[in-house]
PDB file of N, CA and C in Angstrom:
ATOM      1  N   MET A   1      19.768   4.041 -89.634  1.00  0.00           N
ATOM      2  CA  MET A   1      20.522   5.158 -89.077  1.00  0.00           C
ATOM      3  C   MET A   1      20.255   5.241 -87.572  1.00  0.00           C
ATOM      4  N   THR A   2      21.307   5.348 -86.789  1.00  0.00           N
ATOM      5  CA  THR A   2      21.147   5.478 -85.348  1.00  0.00           C
ATOM      6  C   THR A   2      21.036   6.944 -84.982  1.00  0.00           C
ATOM      7  N   ASP A   3      20.313   7.182 -83.914  1.00  0.00           N
ATOM      8  CA  ASP A   3      20.133   8.543 -83.422  1.00  0.00           C
ATOM      9  C   ASP A   3      21.097   8.724 -82.255  1.00  0.00           C
ATOM     10  N   GLU A   4      22.301   9.145 -82.557  1.00  0.00           N
ATOM     11  CA  GLU A   4      23.353   9.244 -81.555  1.00  0.00           C
ATOM     12  C   GLU A   4      23.130  10.433 -80.626  1.00  0.00           C
ATOM     13  N   LEU A   5      23.695  10.310 -79.418  1.00  0.00           N
ATOM     14  CA  LEU A   5      23.651  11.424 -78.486  1.00  0.00           C
ATOM     15  C   LEU A   5      24.732  12.424 -78.858  1.00  0.00           C
ATOM     16  N   MET A   6      24.392  13.696 -78.713  1.00  0.00           N
ATOM     17  CA  MET A   6      25.376  14.739 -78.951  1.00  0.00           C
ATOM     18  C   MET A   6      25.310  15.747 -77.810  1.00  0.00           C
ATOM     19  N   THR A   7      26.454  16.312 -77.480  1.00  0.00           N
ATOM     20  CA  THR A   7      26.535  17.300 -76.412  1.00  0.00           C
ATOM     21  C   THR A   7      26.107  18.655 -76.961  1.00  0.00           C
ATOM     22  N   ILE A   8      25.116  19.270 -76.283  1.00  0.00           N
ATOM     23  CA  ILE A   8      24.660  20.587 -76.720  1.00  0.00           C
ATOM     24  C   ILE A   8      25.065  21.687 -75.744  1.00  0.00           C
ATOM     25  N   ALA A   9      25.487  21.284 -74.524  1.00  0.00           N
ATOM     26  CA  ALA A   9      25.913  22.276 -73.533  1.00  0.00           C
ATOM     27  C   ALA A   9      26.769  21.596 -72.477  1.00  0.00           C
ATOM     28  N   GLU A  10      27.614  22.392 -71.826  1.00  0.00           N
ATOM     29  CA  GLU A  10      28.440  21.907 -70.727  1.00  0.00           C
ATOM     30  C   GLU A  10      28.268  22.856 -69.553  1.00  0.00           C
ATOM     31  N   TYR A  11      28.190  22.275 -68.355  1.00  0.00           N
ATOM     32  CA  TYR A  11      27.960  23.060 -67.145  1.00  0.00           C
ATOM     33  C   TYR A  11      29.001  22.708 -66.087  1.00  0.00           C
ATOM     34  N   SER A  12      29.592  23.727 -65.490  1.00  0.00           N
ATOM     35  CA  SER A  12      30.528  23.479 -64.399  1.00  0.00           C
ATOM     36  C   SER A  12      29.781  23.230 -63.091  1.00  0.00           C
ATOM     37  N   ASP A  13      28.519  23.640 -63.042  1.00  0.00           N
ATOM     38  CA  ASP A  13      27.673  23.440 -61.864  1.00  0.00           C
ATOM     39  C   ASP A  13      26.646  22.346 -62.170  1.00  0.00           C
ATOM     40  N   PRO A  14      26.735  21.200 -61.482  1.00  0.00           N
ATOM     41  CA  PRO A  14      25.786  20.113 -61.730  1.00  0.00           C
ATOM     42  C   PRO A  14      24.329  20.516 -61.482  1.00  0.00           C
ATOM     43  N   ASN A  15      24.090  21.421 -60.553  1.00  0.00           N
ATOM     44  CA  ASN A  15      22.717  21.873 -60.294  1.00  0.00           C
ATOM     45  C   ASN A  15      22.144  22.608 -61.499  1.00  0.00           C
ATOM     46  N   GLU A  16      22.954  23.433 -62.127  1.00  0.00           N
ATOM     47  CA  GLU A  16      22.531  24.154 -63.326  1.00  0.00           C
ATOM     48  C   GLU A  16      22.237  23.162 -64.458  1.00  0.00           C
ATOM     49  N   ALA A  17      23.043  22.124 -64.553  1.00  0.00           N
ATOM     50  CA  ALA A  17      22.821  21.092 -65.565  1.00  0.00           C
ATOM     51  C   ALA A  17      21.494  20.384 -65.329  1.00  0.00           C
ATOM     52  N   ASN A  18      21.163  20.134 -64.077  1.00  0.00           N
ATOM     53  CA  ASN A  18      19.904  19.466 -63.760  1.00  0.00           C
ATOM     54  C   ASN A  18      18.694  20.341 -64.052  1.00  0.00           C
ATOM     55  N   VAL A  19      18.827  21.648 -63.902  1.00  0.00           N
ATOM     56  CA  VAL A  19      17.738  22.566 -64.258  1.00  0.00           C
ATOM     57  C   VAL A  19      17.485  22.485 -65.762  1.00  0.00           C
ATOM     58  N   ALA A  20      18.547  22.500 -66.542  1.00  0.00           N
ATOM     59  CA  ALA A  20      18.418  22.390 -67.998  1.00  0.00           C
ATOM     60  C   ALA A  20      17.794  21.043 -68.380  1.00  0.00           C
ATOM     61  N   LYS A  21      18.232  19.992 -67.723  1.00  0.00           N
ATOM     62  CA  LYS A  21      17.680  18.658 -67.991  1.00  0.00           C
ATOM     63  C   LYS A  21      16.183  18.642 -67.699  1.00  0.00           C
ATOM     64  N   SER A  22      15.767  19.255 -66.599  1.00  0.00           N
ATOM     65  CA  SER A  22      14.347  19.303 -66.242  1.00  0.00           C
ATOM     66  C   SER A  22      13.524  20.040 -67.294  1.00  0.00           C
ATOM     67  N   LYS A  23      14.074  21.135 -67.811  1.00  0.00           N
ATOM     68  CA  LYS A  23      13.368  21.885 -68.866  1.00  0.00           C
ATOM     69  C   LYS A  23      13.155  21.011 -70.095  1.00  0.00           C
ATOM     70  N   LEU A  24      14.198  20.295 -70.488  1.00  0.00           N
ATOM     71  CA  LEU A  24      14.085  19.449 -71.678  1.00  0.00           C
ATOM     72  C   LEU A  24      13.132  18.289 -71.433  1.00  0.00           C
ATOM     73  N   THR A  25      13.210  17.691 -70.278  1.00  0.00           N
ATOM     74  CA  THR A  25      12.325  16.577 -69.947  1.00  0.00           C
ATOM     75  C   THR A  25      10.872  17.020 -69.959  1.00  0.00           C
ATOM     76  N   SER A  26      10.606  18.236 -69.479  1.00  0.00           N
ATOM     77  CA  SER A  26       9.227  18.747 -69.477  1.00  0.00           C
ATOM     78  C   SER A  26       8.701  18.966 -70.894  1.00  0.00           C
ATOM     79  N   GLU A  27       9.605  19.102 -71.859  1.00  0.00           N
ATOM     80  CA  GLU A  27       9.234  19.249 -73.270  1.00  0.00           C
ATOM     81  C   GLU A  27       9.310  17.916 -74.016  1.00  0.00           C
ATOM     82  N   ASN A  28       9.420  16.825 -73.251  1.00  0.00           N
ATOM     83  CA  ASN A  28       9.504  15.468 -73.822  1.00  0.00           C
ATOM     84  C   ASN A  28      10.707  15.282 -74.733  1.00  0.00           C
ATOM     85  N   ILE A  29      11.809  15.909 -74.364  1.00  0.00           N
ATOM     86  CA  ILE A  29      13.063  15.738 -75.095  1.00  0.00           C
ATOM     87  C   ILE A  29      13.964  14.854 -74.235  1.00  0.00           C
ATOM     88  N   PHE A  30      14.316  13.689 -74.757  1.00  0.00           N
ATOM     89  CA  PHE A  30      15.211  12.798 -74.025  1.00  0.00           C
ATOM     90  C   PHE A  30      16.574  13.455 -73.885  1.00  0.00           C
ATOM     91  N   CYS A  31      17.116  13.428 -72.665  1.00  0.00           N
ATOM     92  CA  CYS A  31      18.453  13.977 -72.468  1.00  0.00           C
ATOM     93  C   CYS A  31      19.187  13.180 -71.400  1.00  0.00           C
ATOM     94  N   PHE A  32      20.486  13.360 -71.383  1.00  0.00           N
ATOM     95  CA  PHE A  32      21.365  12.609 -70.493  1.00  0.00           C
ATOM     96  C   PHE A  32      22.470  13.540 -70.021  1.00  0.00           C
ATOM     97  N   LEU A  33      22.814  13.437 -68.736  1.00  0.00           N
ATOM     98  CA  LEU A  33      23.921  14.226 -68.199  1.00  0.00           C
ATOM     99  C   LEU A  33      25.148  13.331 -68.073  1.00  0.00           C
ATOM    100  N   ALA A  34      26.097  13.521 -68.948  1.00  0.00           N
ATOM    101  CA  ALA A  34      27.339  12.747 -68.926  1.00  0.00           C
ATOM    102  C   ALA A  34      28.302  13.360 -67.918  1.00  0.00           C
ATOM    103  N   ASP A  35      28.990  12.513 -67.196  1.00  0.00           N
ATOM    104  CA  ASP A  35      30.012  12.883 -66.212  1.00  0.00           C
ATOM    105  C   ASP A  35      29.438  13.514 -64.946  1.00  0.00           C
ATOM    106  N   GLU A  36      28.129  13.436 -64.745  1.00  0.00           N
ATOM    107  CA  GLU A  36      27.514  14.030 -63.557  1.00  0.00           C
ATOM    108  C   GLU A  36      28.059  13.408 -62.271  1.00  0.00           C
ATOM    109  N   GLU A  37      28.162  12.091 -62.231  1.00  0.00           N
ATOM    110  CA  GLU A  37      28.643  11.409 -61.029  1.00  0.00           C
ATOM    111  C   GLU A  37      30.106  11.744 -60.739  1.00  0.00           C
ATOM    112  N   LEU A  38      30.893  11.892 -61.789  1.00  0.00           N
ATOM    113  CA  LEU A  38      32.308  12.195 -61.612  1.00  0.00           C
ATOM    114  C   LEU A  38      32.529  13.578 -61.014  1.00  0.00           C
ATOM    115  N   MET A  39      31.592  14.488 -61.253  1.00  0.00           N
ATOM    116  CA  MET A  39      31.731  15.854 -60.732  1.00  0.00           C
ATOM    117  C   MET A  39      31.535  15.915 -59.226  1.00  0.00           C
ATOM    118  N   GLU A  40      31.031  14.839 -58.607  1.00  0.00           N
ATOM    119  CA  GLU A  40      30.851  14.809 -57.158  1.00  0.00           C
ATOM    120  C   GLU A  40      32.182  14.663 -56.431  1.00  0.00           C
ATOM    121  N   SER A  41      33.183  14.180 -57.101  1.00  0.00           N
ATOM    122  CA  SER A  41      34.507  14.015 -56.510  1.00  0.00           C
ATOM    123  C   SER A  41      35.337  15.277 -56.758  1.00  0.00           C
ATOM    124  N   PRO A  42      35.815  15.935 -55.682  1.00  0.00           N
ATOM    125  CA  PRO A  42      36.617  17.145 -55.871  1.00  0.00           C
ATOM    126  C   PRO A  42      37.846  16.918 -56.758  1.00  0.00           C
ATOM    127  N   THR A  43      38.463  15.759 -56.630  1.00  0.00           N
ATOM    128  CA  THR A  43      39.643  15.457 -57.430  1.00  0.00           C
ATOM    129  C   THR A  43      39.281  15.316 -58.905  1.00  0.00           C
ATOM    130  N   LEU A  44      38.261  14.530 -59.187  1.00  0.00           N
ATOM    131  CA  LEU A  44      37.859  14.318 -60.578  1.00  0.00           C
ATOM    132  C   LEU A  44      37.214  15.552 -61.184  1.00  0.00           C
ATOM    133  N   ARG A  45      36.583  16.371 -60.342  1.00  0.00           N
ATOM    134  CA  ARG A  45      35.928  17.589 -60.838  1.00  0.00           C
ATOM    135  C   ARG A  45      36.926  18.478 -61.591  1.00  0.00           C
ATOM    136  N   THR A  46      38.149  18.580 -61.066  1.00  0.00           N
ATOM    137  CA  THR A  46      39.143  19.423 -61.731  1.00  0.00           C
ATOM    138  C   THR A  46      39.624  18.792 -63.037  1.00  0.00           C
ATOM    139  N   VAL A  47      39.591  17.475 -63.114  1.00  0.00           N
ATOM    140  CA  VAL A  47      40.019  16.786 -64.330  1.00  0.00           C
ATOM    141  C   VAL A  47      38.906  16.813 -65.383  1.00  0.00           C
ATOM    142  N   ILE A  48      37.682  16.491 -64.971  1.00  0.00           N
ATOM    143  CA  ILE A  48      36.543  16.409 -65.894  1.00  0.00           C
ATOM    144  C   ILE A  48      36.113  17.803 -66.336  1.00  0.00           C
ATOM    145  N   GLY A  49      35.945  18.699 -65.373  1.00  0.00           N
ATOM    146  CA  GLY A  49      35.648  20.090 -65.680  1.00  0.00           C
ATOM    147  C   GLY A  49      34.201  20.464 -65.870  1.00  0.00           C
ATOM    148  N   SER A  50      33.377  19.544 -66.400  1.00  0.00           N
ATOM    149  CA  SER A  50      31.987  19.932 -66.640  1.00  0.00           C
ATOM    150  C   SER A  50      31.086  18.718 -66.812  1.00  0.00           C
ATOM    151  N   VAL A  51      29.798  18.983 -66.610  1.00  0.00           N
ATOM    152  CA  VAL A  51      28.755  18.006 -66.895  1.00  0.00           C
ATOM    153  C   VAL A  51      28.281  18.290 -68.319  1.00  0.00           C
ATOM    154  N   LYS A  52      28.201  17.257 -69.123  1.00  0.00           N
ATOM    155  CA  LYS A  52      27.790  17.423 -70.513  1.00  0.00           C
ATOM    156  C   LYS A  52      26.308  17.082 -70.666  1.00  0.00           C
ATOM    157  N   LEU A  53      25.535  18.012 -71.194  1.00  0.00           N
ATOM    158  CA  LEU A  53      24.123  17.784 -71.472  1.00  0.00           C
ATOM    159  C   LEU A  53      24.011  17.228 -72.886  1.00  0.00           C
ATOM    160  N   GLN A  54      23.513  16.009 -72.992  1.00  0.00           N
ATOM    161  CA  GLN A  54      23.435  15.343 -74.288  1.00  0.00           C
ATOM    162  C   GLN A  54      21.991  15.041 -74.653  1.00  0.00           C
ATOM    163  N   VAL A  55      21.682  15.160 -75.931  1.00  0.00           N
ATOM    164  CA  VAL A  55      20.364  14.849 -76.483  1.00  0.00           C
ATOM    165  C   VAL A  55      20.556  14.040 -77.758  1.00  0.00           C
ATOM    166  N   LYS A  56      19.463  13.434 -78.221  1.00  0.00           N
ATOM    167  CA  LYS A  56      19.519  12.748 -79.512  1.00  0.00           C
ATOM    168  C   LYS A  56      19.813  13.784 -80.586  1.00  0.00           C
ATOM    169  N   SER A  57      20.589  13.407 -81.565  1.00  0.00           N
ATOM    170  CA  SER A  57      20.944  14.358 -82.625  1.00  0.00           C
ATOM    171  C   SER A  57      19.706  14.909 -83.330  1.00  0.00           C
ATOM    172  N   SER A  58      18.666  14.109 -83.432  1.00  0.00           N
ATOM    173  CA  SER A  58      17.441  14.574 -84.091  1.00  0.00           C
ATOM    174  C   SER A  58      16.690  15.615 -83.261  1.00  0.00           C
ATOM    175  N   ASP A  59      16.968  15.694 -81.963  1.00  0.00           N
ATOM    176  CA  ASP A  59      16.312  16.660 -81.069  1.00  0.00           C
ATOM    177  C   ASP A  59      17.192  17.866 -80.753  1.00  0.00           C
ATOM    178  N   ALA A  60      18.388  17.902 -81.293  1.00  0.00           N
ATOM    179  CA  ALA A  60      19.369  18.918 -80.899  1.00  0.00           C
ATOM    180  C   ALA A  60      18.872  20.346 -81.124  1.00  0.00           C
ATOM    181  N   GLU A  61      18.341  20.631 -82.289  1.00  0.00           N
ATOM    182  CA  GLU A  61      17.902  21.999 -82.575  1.00  0.00           C
ATOM    183  C   GLU A  61      16.759  22.426 -81.669  1.00  0.00           C
ATOM    184  N   ARG A  62      15.795  21.544 -81.475  1.00  0.00           N
ATOM    185  CA  ARG A  62      14.653  21.855 -80.605  1.00  0.00           C
ATOM    186  C   ARG A  62      15.122  22.043 -79.164  1.00  0.00           C
ATOM    187  N   ALA A  63      16.069  21.222 -78.729  1.00  0.00           N
ATOM    188  CA  ALA A  63      16.597  21.338 -77.369  1.00  0.00           C
ATOM    189  C   ALA A  63      17.333  22.664 -77.185  1.00  0.00           C
ATOM    190  N   LYS A  64      18.119  23.042 -78.167  1.00  0.00           N
ATOM    191  CA  LYS A  64      18.842  24.323 -78.102  1.00  0.00           C
ATOM    192  C   LYS A  64      17.864  25.491 -78.044  1.00  0.00           C
ATOM    193  N   GLN A  65      16.802  25.423 -78.816  1.00  0.00           N
ATOM    194  CA  GLN A  65      15.791  26.474 -78.801  1.00  0.00           C
ATOM    195  C   GLN A  65      15.102  26.537 -77.438  1.00  0.00           C
ATOM    196  N   THR A  66      14.803  25.390 -76.867  1.00  0.00           N
ATOM    197  CA  THR A  66      14.151  25.325 -75.569  1.00  0.00           C
ATOM    198  C   THR A  66      15.009  25.972 -74.494  1.00  0.00           C
ATOM    199  N   LEU A  67      16.319  25.749 -74.580  1.00  0.00           N
ATOM    200  CA  LEU A  67      17.243  26.294 -73.579  1.00  0.00           C
ATOM    201  C   LEU A  67      17.825  27.633 -73.987  1.00  0.00           C
ATOM    202  N   ASP A  68      17.456  28.123 -75.165  1.00  0.00           N
ATOM    203  CA  ASP A  68      17.952  29.393 -75.695  1.00  0.00           C
ATOM    204  C   ASP A  68      19.473  29.375 -75.833  1.00  0.00           C
ATOM    205  N   ILE A  69      19.961  28.297 -76.452  1.00  0.00           N
ATOM    206  CA  ILE A  69      21.383  28.118 -76.724  1.00  0.00           C
ATOM    207  C   ILE A  69      21.603  28.340 -78.207  1.00  0.00           C
ATOM    208  N   GLU A  70      22.639  29.063 -78.568  1.00  0.00           N
ATOM    209  CA  GLU A  70      22.945  29.300 -79.985  1.00  0.00           C
ATOM    210  C   GLU A  70      23.809  28.204 -80.539  1.00  0.00           C
TER     211      GLU A  70
END
């Protein structure tokens, strides 16, 4: 069984996404910010809309608790 990445939160502000990523990393939870680079382009930002915070599916509940996400 593979431990796929799943999106647990989306942020319109890349800085806010990085704060969340730092919290998870400090708790030894692997995470990835999808579409972060694309949000740097004003044109693509309107198309993409958000940075996706992704974690391993096995860590999803713990990550949500760490970030106080329902």
